[in-house]
Amino acid sequence: MANNYYDSGSVTTGSYLEVTPSDTDTLRADGLACRAINVAEDGAIAIVDKDGNTVSLYLAAGFLHRVGATQVLATGTTATGIVAGF
């Protein structure tokens, strides 16, 4: 199975996307997974990873978390100010 995310071994990203959690929409139309997520306010995020697994994580604000996700779900997400880096 081909990787559908960039993996250079660092969390440096080239572009950013403000995320509105959605139970139906992916982060990008091409299905590419983000390389990192930042949140403005601590909280849980429910994500779908590149393999289609749904996982719930607790993220602290102010850090660039190395999280690969194709989708941030509305159900189960309490963190706000979510930004994904690609």
N, C-alpha and C. Protein backbone atom coordinates (compact mmCIF):
# COMPACT_ATOMS: atom_id res chain seq x y z
N MET A 1 0.84 -1.17 0.00
CA MET A 1 0.00 0.00 0.00
C MET A 1 0.89 1.24 0.00
N ALA A 2 0.61 2.15 -0.88
CA ALA A 2 1.41 3.38 -0.98
C ALA A 2 1.06 4.33 0.16
N ASN A 3 2.06 5.06 0.64
CA ASN A 3 1.81 6.08 1.65
C ASN A 3 1.07 7.24 1.02
N ASN A 4 0.09 7.78 1.72
CA ASN A 4 -0.60 8.96 1.21
C ASN A 4 -0.34 10.16 2.12
N TYR A 5 0.88 10.23 2.63
CA TYR A 5 1.29 11.36 3.44
C TYR A 5 2.78 11.59 3.23
N TYR A 6 3.22 12.80 3.51
CA TYR A 6 4.63 13.11 3.41
C TYR A 6 5.32 12.63 4.68
N ASP A 7 6.49 12.03 4.61
CA ASP A 7 7.21 11.59 5.79
C ASP A 7 8.69 11.86 5.64
N SER A 8 9.09 13.05 6.03
CA SER A 8 10.51 13.40 5.92
C SER A 8 11.21 13.25 7.26
N GLY A 9 10.49 12.79 8.28
CA GLY A 9 11.09 12.61 9.59
C GLY A 9 11.04 13.85 10.46
N SER A 10 10.43 14.92 10.00
CA SER A 10 10.32 16.12 10.83
C SER A 10 8.90 16.63 10.77
N VAL A 11 8.58 17.55 11.66
CA VAL A 11 7.23 18.11 11.65
C VAL A 11 7.18 19.43 10.91
N THR A 12 8.25 19.81 10.24
CA THR A 12 8.22 21.02 9.43
C THR A 12 7.22 20.81 8.31
N THR A 13 6.35 21.77 8.13
CA THR A 13 5.31 21.63 7.11
C THR A 13 5.42 22.77 6.11
N GLY A 14 4.86 22.56 4.93
CA GLY A 14 4.95 23.55 3.88
C GLY A 14 3.72 24.40 3.74
N SER A 15 2.57 23.87 4.12
CA SER A 15 1.33 24.64 4.02
C SER A 15 0.42 24.28 5.18
N TYR A 16 -0.48 25.20 5.50
CA TYR A 16 -1.36 25.03 6.65
C TYR A 16 -2.81 25.22 6.23
N LEU A 17 -3.70 24.58 6.97
CA LEU A 17 -5.12 24.64 6.67
C LEU A 17 -5.89 24.74 7.98
N GLU A 18 -6.73 25.78 8.12
CA GLU A 18 -7.61 25.85 9.28
C GLU A 18 -8.65 24.75 9.12
N VAL A 19 -8.89 24.03 10.21
CA VAL A 19 -9.75 22.84 10.15
C VAL A 19 -11.07 23.10 10.84
N THR A 20 -12.15 22.80 10.13
CA THR A 20 -13.47 22.74 10.72
C THR A 20 -13.81 21.26 10.83
N PRO A 21 -13.89 20.72 12.04
CA PRO A 21 -14.18 19.29 12.18
C PRO A 21 -15.47 18.91 11.46
N SER A 22 -15.44 17.75 10.81
CA SER A 22 -16.59 17.27 10.05
C SER A 22 -16.62 15.75 10.07
N ASP A 23 -17.80 15.21 10.24
CA ASP A 23 -17.96 13.75 10.21
C ASP A 23 -18.06 13.22 8.78
N THR A 24 -18.09 14.12 7.79
CA THR A 24 -18.22 13.67 6.40
C THR A 24 -17.07 14.12 5.49
N ASP A 25 -16.50 15.30 5.74
CA ASP A 25 -15.49 15.85 4.83
C ASP A 25 -14.07 15.51 5.28
N THR A 26 -13.21 15.18 4.29
CA THR A 26 -11.79 14.98 4.57
C THR A 26 -11.09 16.33 4.61
N LEU A 27 -9.87 16.35 5.14
CA LEU A 27 -9.12 17.61 5.21
C LEU A 27 -8.84 18.18 3.83
N ARG A 28 -8.48 17.29 2.90
CA ARG A 28 -8.19 17.71 1.52
C ARG A 28 -8.92 16.80 0.56
N ALA A 29 -9.33 17.34 -0.57
CA ALA A 29 -10.07 16.56 -1.56
C ALA A 29 -9.27 15.38 -2.10
N ASP A 30 -7.92 15.51 -2.13
CA ASP A 30 -7.09 14.42 -2.66
C ASP A 30 -6.82 13.33 -1.63
N GLY A 31 -7.32 13.50 -0.39
CA GLY A 31 -7.16 12.48 0.63
C GLY A 31 -5.80 12.44 1.31
N LEU A 32 -4.93 13.39 0.98
CA LEU A 32 -3.60 13.44 1.58
C LEU A 32 -3.71 13.70 3.07
N ALA A 33 -2.97 12.94 3.86
CA ALA A 33 -2.97 13.12 5.32
C ALA A 33 -2.06 14.28 5.70
N CYS A 34 -2.46 15.01 6.72
CA CYS A 34 -1.60 16.08 7.24
C CYS A 34 -0.42 15.45 7.97
N ARG A 35 0.60 16.26 8.22
CA ARG A 35 1.79 15.79 8.93
C ARG A 35 1.78 16.22 10.38
N ALA A 36 1.03 17.26 10.71
CA ALA A 36 1.02 17.80 12.07
C ALA A 36 -0.28 18.55 12.32
N ILE A 37 -0.64 18.63 13.61
CA ILE A 37 -1.83 19.37 14.01
C ILE A 37 -1.48 20.24 15.21
N ASN A 38 -1.99 21.47 15.20
CA ASN A 38 -1.86 22.41 16.30
C ASN A 38 -3.26 22.79 16.74
N VAL A 39 -3.46 22.97 18.05
CA VAL A 39 -4.75 23.44 18.54
C VAL A 39 -4.53 24.70 19.39
N ALA A 40 -5.49 25.61 19.33
CA ALA A 40 -5.41 26.85 20.11
C ALA A 40 -5.88 26.64 21.54
N GLU A 41 -6.78 25.67 21.74
CA GLU A 41 -7.29 25.36 23.08
C GLU A 41 -7.20 23.86 23.30
N ASP A 42 -6.63 23.45 24.44
CA ASP A 42 -6.52 22.04 24.78
C ASP A 42 -7.84 21.31 24.56
N GLY A 43 -7.74 20.06 24.17
CA GLY A 43 -8.95 19.25 24.05
C GLY A 43 -8.71 17.99 23.27
N ALA A 44 -9.77 17.23 23.15
CA ALA A 44 -9.72 15.97 22.40
C ALA A 44 -9.93 16.25 20.92
N ILE A 45 -9.28 15.45 20.10
CA ILE A 45 -9.60 15.44 18.67
C ILE A 45 -9.82 13.99 18.27
N ALA A 46 -10.83 13.78 17.48
CA ALA A 46 -11.10 12.46 16.91
C ALA A 46 -10.67 12.54 15.46
N ILE A 47 -9.76 11.65 15.06
CA ILE A 47 -9.21 11.70 13.70
C ILE A 47 -9.40 10.38 13.00
N VAL A 48 -9.30 10.44 11.68
CA VAL A 48 -9.18 9.25 10.85
C VAL A 48 -7.78 9.30 10.28
N ASP A 49 -6.99 8.23 10.50
CA ASP A 49 -5.62 8.21 10.00
C ASP A 49 -5.57 7.74 8.56
N LYS A 50 -4.36 7.70 7.99
CA LYS A 50 -4.20 7.36 6.56
C LYS A 50 -4.65 5.95 6.23
N ASP A 51 -4.75 5.08 7.25
CA ASP A 51 -5.19 3.70 7.03
C ASP A 51 -6.68 3.51 7.28
N GLY A 52 -7.37 4.61 7.62
CA GLY A 52 -8.81 4.54 7.84
C GLY A 52 -9.21 4.25 9.28
N ASN A 53 -8.25 4.21 10.19
CA ASN A 53 -8.55 3.96 11.61
C ASN A 53 -9.02 5.25 12.27
N THR A 54 -10.02 5.14 13.13
CA THR A 54 -10.50 6.27 13.91
C THR A 54 -9.87 6.23 15.28
N VAL A 55 -9.26 7.34 15.69
CA VAL A 55 -8.55 7.42 16.96
C VAL A 55 -8.91 8.72 17.66
N SER A 56 -8.96 8.68 18.97
CA SER A 56 -9.19 9.89 19.75
C SER A 56 -7.92 10.23 20.52
N LEU A 57 -7.50 11.48 20.42
CA LEU A 57 -6.27 11.95 21.07
C LEU A 57 -6.58 13.19 21.87
N TYR A 58 -5.81 13.42 22.94
CA TYR A 58 -5.92 14.68 23.69
C TYR A 58 -4.69 15.50 23.35
N LEU A 59 -4.89 16.72 22.85
CA LEU A 59 -3.78 17.58 22.45
C LEU A 59 -3.74 18.84 23.31
N ALA A 60 -2.53 19.20 23.72
CA ALA A 60 -2.32 20.44 24.47
C ALA A 60 -2.10 21.58 23.48
N ALA A 61 -2.58 22.73 23.83
CA ALA A 61 -2.44 23.91 22.98
C ALA A 61 -0.99 24.37 22.92
N GLY A 62 -0.65 24.98 21.78
CA GLY A 62 0.66 25.62 21.66
C GLY A 62 1.78 24.74 21.17
N PHE A 63 1.48 23.51 20.79
CA PHE A 63 2.50 22.59 20.29
C PHE A 63 2.12 22.12 18.90
N LEU A 64 3.11 21.85 18.09
CA LEU A 64 2.89 21.24 16.79
C LEU A 64 3.01 19.73 17.00
N HIS A 65 1.88 19.05 17.04
CA HIS A 65 1.83 17.61 17.32
C HIS A 65 1.99 16.84 16.02
N ARG A 66 2.89 15.88 16.00
CA ARG A 66 3.08 15.05 14.81
C ARG A 66 1.95 14.02 14.75
N VAL A 67 0.91 14.41 14.05
CA VAL A 67 -0.28 13.59 13.91
C VAL A 67 -0.65 13.54 12.44
N GLY A 68 -0.72 12.36 11.87
CA GLY A 68 -1.13 12.20 10.48
C GLY A 68 -2.61 11.88 10.43
N ALA A 69 -3.38 12.73 9.78
CA ALA A 69 -4.83 12.52 9.71
C ALA A 69 -5.35 12.93 8.34
N THR A 70 -6.34 12.20 7.87
CA THR A 70 -7.02 12.58 6.64
C THR A 70 -8.32 13.32 6.96
N GLN A 71 -8.77 13.17 8.22
CA GLN A 71 -10.04 13.77 8.61
C GLN A 71 -10.00 14.07 10.11
N VAL A 72 -10.58 15.19 10.52
CA VAL A 72 -10.82 15.51 11.92
C VAL A 72 -12.34 15.48 12.10
N LEU A 73 -12.80 14.54 12.90
CA LEU A 73 -14.23 14.34 13.07
C LEU A 73 -14.84 15.36 14.03
N ALA A 74 -16.08 15.76 13.75
CA ALA A 74 -16.79 16.67 14.64
C ALA A 74 -17.20 15.93 15.92
N THR A 75 -17.66 14.69 15.75
CA THR A 75 -18.05 13.88 16.90
C THR A 75 -16.81 13.45 17.66
N GLY A 76 -16.73 13.85 18.91
CA GLY A 76 -15.58 13.49 19.74
C GLY A 76 -14.49 14.53 19.80
N THR A 77 -14.61 15.61 19.03
CA THR A 77 -13.59 16.66 19.04
C THR A 77 -14.06 17.82 19.90
N THR A 78 -13.22 18.16 20.91
CA THR A 78 -13.54 19.29 21.79
C THR A 78 -12.50 20.41 21.66
N ALA A 79 -11.33 20.10 21.12
CA ALA A 79 -10.31 21.12 20.93
C ALA A 79 -10.81 22.15 19.91
N THR A 80 -10.34 23.37 20.05
CA THR A 80 -10.73 24.42 19.12
C THR A 80 -9.49 25.09 18.52
N GLY A 81 -9.70 25.84 17.47
CA GLY A 81 -8.60 26.51 16.81
C GLY A 81 -7.64 25.52 16.18
N ILE A 82 -8.17 24.55 15.48
CA ILE A 82 -7.38 23.46 14.90
C ILE A 82 -6.78 23.88 13.57
N VAL A 83 -5.48 23.65 13.43
CA VAL A 83 -4.77 23.93 12.19
C VAL A 83 -3.96 22.69 11.83
N ALA A 84 -4.07 22.26 10.57
CA ALA A 84 -3.33 21.11 10.08
C ALA A 84 -2.20 21.58 9.17
N GLY A 85 -1.03 20.96 9.32
CA GLY A 85 0.11 21.27 8.47
C GLY A 85 0.39 20.13 7.52
N PHE A 86 0.65 20.47 6.27
CA PHE A 86 0.91 19.46 5.23
C PHE A 86 2.31 19.57 4.70
